[in-house]
Every structure is written in C-alpha cells, then in structure tokens.
Amino acid sequence: MEITNGIFQAANNIYQNNKGSLLRTVIYTIGHFVIAITVLMLIADVSFAVALTDAIIEPIANSVWYFILDKWWASRSKK
C-alpha cells in the first residue's frame, strides 16, 4: 500500500511540475497522428493499418523529444 501511494504521489508531483509541457505535448501528439496518417495514405499510398502503425510509433518518439526540448527551452527562458 505504501509503495502504491508513493508511486501515485510521484506521478502527481511530475504532473504538477510539468502541466504546461505535458498538455502541449499531448495536443502536439494528437495532431501529429492525424497529419501522419493523412500524409502517408495520400503520398505513400499505404493502407490505413500501416499508416496508423507508423502514425502512432513515430510521434511517440517525437513527443519524448518535444518534451525534452520544451523543458530545456523553458529553463533557458527563465534565466
């Protein structure tokens, strides 16, 4: 029980300290899913299933990158 409470508290602390970055990251990721599926289906002429798979995997990697970039950028702006 104590471990579970610690995990939830840690997750809450991460959320509270990164609310703005996390929200922007989620919005960016959803938009990227839609754009990637559309582009792949129109330009690469792949099936929806292939486009969906790529549209999920690739933005997850981009989202991690964006979160790191945003945190770095915000830390530089405060100085």
C-alpha atoms as a PDB file:
ATOM      1  CA  MET A   1       0.000   0.000   0.000  1.00  0.00           C
ATOM      2  CA  GLU A   2       2.804   2.403   0.883  1.00  0.00           C
ATOM      3  CA  ILE A   3       4.569   1.724  -2.435  1.00  0.00           C
ATOM      4  CA  THR A   4       1.362   2.402  -4.363  1.00  0.00           C
ATOM      5  CA  ASN A   5       0.837   5.695  -2.534  1.00  0.00           C
ATOM      6  CA  GLY A   6       4.445   6.656  -3.257  1.00  0.00           C
ATOM      7  CA  ILE A   7       4.017   5.922  -6.961  1.00  0.00           C
ATOM      8  CA  PHE A   8       0.820   7.967  -7.160  1.00  0.00           C
ATOM      9  CA  GLN A   9       2.435  10.831  -5.234  1.00  0.00           C
ATOM     10  CA  ALA A  10       5.480  10.781  -7.523  1.00  0.00           C
ATOM     11  CA  ALA A  11       3.236  10.762 -10.609  1.00  0.00           C
ATOM     12  CA  ASN A  12       1.217  13.650  -9.184  1.00  0.00           C
ATOM     13  CA  ASN A  13       4.406  15.621  -8.483  1.00  0.00           C
ATOM     14  CA  ILE A  14       5.611  15.065 -12.055  1.00  0.00           C
ATOM     15  CA  TYR A  15       2.219  16.163 -13.389  1.00  0.00           C
ATOM     16  CA  GLN A  16       2.045  19.272 -11.185  1.00  0.00           C
ATOM     17  CA  ASN A  17       5.582  20.344 -12.117  1.00  0.00           C
ATOM     18  CA  ASN A  18       5.081  19.794 -15.856  1.00  0.00           C
ATOM     19  CA  LYS A  19       1.407  20.613 -16.533  1.00  0.00           C
ATOM     20  CA  GLY A  20       2.014  23.077 -19.365  1.00  0.00           C
ATOM     21  CA  SER A  21       4.607  20.977 -21.133  1.00  0.00           C
ATOM     22  CA  LEU A  22       2.529  17.817 -20.836  1.00  0.00           C
ATOM     23  CA  LEU A  23      -0.603  19.486 -22.238  1.00  0.00           C
ATOM     24  CA  ARG A  24       1.283  20.945 -25.203  1.00  0.00           C
ATOM     25  CA  THR A  25       2.918  17.560 -25.784  1.00  0.00           C
ATOM     26  CA  VAL A  26      -0.436  15.728 -25.821  1.00  0.00           C
ATOM     27  CA  ILE A  27      -2.003  18.264 -28.224  1.00  0.00           C
ATOM     28  CA  TYR A  28       1.046  18.073 -30.497  1.00  0.00           C
ATOM     29  CA  THR A  29       0.918  14.266 -30.458  1.00  0.00           C
ATOM     30  CA  ILE A  30      -2.769  14.058 -31.402  1.00  0.00           C
ATOM     31  CA  GLY A  31      -2.249  16.500 -34.267  1.00  0.00           C
ATOM     32  CA  HIS A  32       0.757  14.533 -35.410  1.00  0.00           C
ATOM     33  CA  PHE A  33      -1.264  11.285 -35.502  1.00  0.00           C
ATOM     34  CA  VAL A  34      -3.843  12.867 -37.809  1.00  0.00           C
ATOM     35  CA  ILE A  35      -1.279  14.546 -40.063  1.00  0.00           C
ATOM     36  CA  ALA A  36       0.922  11.438 -40.326  1.00  0.00           C
ATOM     37  CA  ILE A  37      -1.971   9.137 -41.234  1.00  0.00           C
ATOM     38  CA  THR A  38      -3.238  11.554 -43.876  1.00  0.00           C
ATOM     39  CA  VAL A  39       0.172  12.171 -45.446  1.00  0.00           C
ATOM     40  CA  LEU A  40       1.134   8.505 -45.521  1.00  0.00           C
ATOM     41  CA  MET A  41      -2.143   7.461 -47.105  1.00  0.00           C
ATOM     42  CA  LEU A  42      -2.013  10.212 -49.732  1.00  0.00           C
ATOM     43  CA  ILE A  43       1.679  10.305 -50.613  1.00  0.00           C
ATOM     44  CA  ALA A  44       2.998   6.822 -49.854  1.00  0.00           C
ATOM     45  CA  ASP A  45      -0.271   5.123 -50.858  1.00  0.00           C
ATOM     46  CA  VAL A  46      -0.170   2.739 -47.890  1.00  0.00           C
ATOM     47  CA  SER A  47      -3.117   1.100 -46.175  1.00  0.00           C
ATOM     48  CA  PHE A  48      -4.794   2.686 -43.197  1.00  0.00           C
ATOM     49  CA  ALA A  49      -3.361  -0.021 -40.896  1.00  0.00           C
ATOM     50  CA  VAL A  50       0.217   0.696 -41.984  1.00  0.00           C
ATOM     51  CA  ALA A  51      -0.337   4.466 -41.777  1.00  0.00           C
ATOM     52  CA  LEU A  52      -1.880   4.099 -38.317  1.00  0.00           C
ATOM     53  CA  THR A  53       1.008   1.991 -37.042  1.00  0.00           C
ATOM     54  CA  ASP A  54       3.596   4.480 -38.278  1.00  0.00           C
ATOM     55  CA  ALA A  55       1.489   7.402 -37.094  1.00  0.00           C
ATOM     56  CA  ILE A  56       1.489   6.007 -33.551  1.00  0.00           C
ATOM     57  CA  ILE A  57       5.094   4.827 -33.219  1.00  0.00           C
ATOM     58  CA  GLU A  58       6.864   7.794 -34.794  1.00  0.00           C
ATOM     59  CA  PRO A  59       5.013  10.550 -32.869  1.00  0.00           C
ATOM     60  CA  ILE A  60       5.662   8.823 -29.566  1.00  0.00           C
ATOM     61  CA  ALA A  61       9.372   9.200 -30.248  1.00  0.00           C
ATOM     62  CA  ASN A  62       8.796  12.800 -31.394  1.00  0.00           C
ATOM     63  CA  SER A  63       6.747  13.543 -28.273  1.00  0.00           C
ATOM     64  CA  VAL A  64       9.546  12.441 -25.999  1.00  0.00           C
ATOM     65  CA  TRP A  65      11.915  14.644 -27.987  1.00  0.00           C
ATOM     66  CA  TYR A  66       9.490  17.605 -27.839  1.00  0.00           C
ATOM     67  CA  PHE A  67       9.014  17.245 -24.071  1.00  0.00           C
ATOM     68  CA  ILE A  68      12.779  17.302 -23.524  1.00  0.00           C
ATOM     69  CA  LEU A  69      13.170  20.274 -25.882  1.00  0.00           C
ATOM     70  CA  ASP A  70      10.314  22.167 -24.227  1.00  0.00           C
ATOM     71  CA  LYS A  71      11.735  21.606 -20.736  1.00  0.00           C
ATOM     72  CA  TRP A  72      15.165  22.779 -21.902  1.00  0.00           C
ATOM     73  CA  TRP A  73      13.665  25.794 -23.706  1.00  0.00           C
ATOM     74  CA  ALA A  74      11.581  26.789 -20.675  1.00  0.00           C
ATOM     75  CA  SER A  75      14.614  26.501 -18.388  1.00  0.00           C
ATOM     76  CA  ARG A  76      16.611  28.799 -20.696  1.00  0.00           C
ATOM     77  CA  SER A  77      13.752  31.347 -20.840  1.00  0.00           C
ATOM     78  CA  LYS A  78      13.687  31.765 -17.052  1.00  0.00           C
ATOM     79  CA  LYS A  79      17.298  32.949 -16.929  1.00  0.00           C
END
